[in-house]
Amino acid sequence: MNGSRLPRRLLLTGAGSAAVAALTACQTARSSLPTPQPTRAATSGTPDQAALRRKIASLLVVGFRGDRVKSSDWIVRAIRDGLGGVILFDRDLETGAARNVRSPQQVTTLVRELKKAAPGRLIVSIDQEGGRTARLNPSNGFPATRSEAEIGAENSPAATREWARGLVESLTRVGVNLNYAPVVDLNIDSASRAIGALDRSFSADPDVVVSNATEEIHAHRAAGVKTSLKHFPGIGSAAGNTDFEVVDVSATWRPIELEPYRRLIRAGLADSVLAAHVLNKQLDPNRPASLSPKVITDLLRGELGWQGPVVSDDMQAVAITRQYGSAEAVHLALQAGVDLLVFANQQVYEPDIFEKTLNVVVGLVRSGKLSQARIDQSVARVDTLRPKR
């Protein structure tokens, strides 16, 4: 890993420091899905074509540069055309400069303007795990937060509740409604550059992980903020990071890493599950987890019973783009069962990523490689992640 260029989920907090680093839960894990209600988008074409584009647009989350926006900005135009959501970062990976967050007042205004541009209910998402992986941090005027590792080591329900409420207060203060947390990876390798070395795991013990994640999820739900269990099917033994390299956990992954997902899903505590880009040949000898029907459809949805939204890790990560290319990766992810596709715009910055991806998926449907029913299924799932108003 290049120490000067680290992945979107591992950016460290602190001013001037280098960058280091999506269904309200069913009453049961197999509840029926709601009727799709896609966002509206201004677009040309026949009514059927326009409706298809609106649906596909609603399945995309995109990152962008800037701490303020104007009506002519590409991200605002994309939102007006039905973009499903945005993801916020404190720092830009390529430039090292501040990106979307400079102060509480500034980012609150930014989020308000983004939501104002949306014809429907915009997902505003962030990675606010605590500790060093927190986009809202003291460098931009927010309170410091303890890491999951610190919380897990204390393993006190009262302390965890207080910590989680602090995380959520920062989110609700600015209008974020989806947090890519909690991390429920087991701390299999304490030296893992993806998890252990960054204090991103509650514990190696599934009981500790589940109990602390439960308190964190309850705190988010009480405030109307959705969560995402990550990184399925477990990356606690990953030596590298998928944003910059292919990461293979085949020899180190253990079936016990599924336990937090199994138990949280069974308890009705999952809002969404985030799929990792790791290669795990124990589960699929050919494809990384995020692009694998064996992992997403057979294991997560079949064996574990999860029928809600599955969120991708960054679709611009080297782990998948190096082998598949962006268009093929999008196709395989949707085919595997992923519903919400996230493009951080950190590994590369593509202002046309929304339009480009939209056209790719439209082409897949028109050619028969993806069915409209498959798109409708994802729209219904993703709509459960949207704020009520």
Foldseek 3Di string as FASTA:
>chain_A
DPQQFEDQQQQFDDPPDGGDYFAQFDQFQQDDFDFFDFFAADDDDDPVLRVLLRLVQLQEEEEDFDQADDCPALLLNSQNRRRNEYEDAQAFRPPRHGGHAQALVSLLNRVVVSCVSHRDFHAYEYADAADGRHRADVNRYAHHAHALQVCLVVLDLVVLLVRLLSSQVSCVSRPHAEYADDELAAQQDLQASHDNVRRRHSHNDNVSSQSSRQSNLVSSVVVNHAYEYDEPPHCNPWNDAQQEEATECQPPDDPCSNVSVLVCSRNRRHLEYEYGQHHHVVQPVPGGLLLALSNQVCPVCNVSVHLAAYEYDALNGCNDCVPQNSLRSLLSNLVSPHQHYYHHCRSDNDSCVSVVNSVSVSVCCVVPVDDVVSSSSSSSRRVSRGGPD
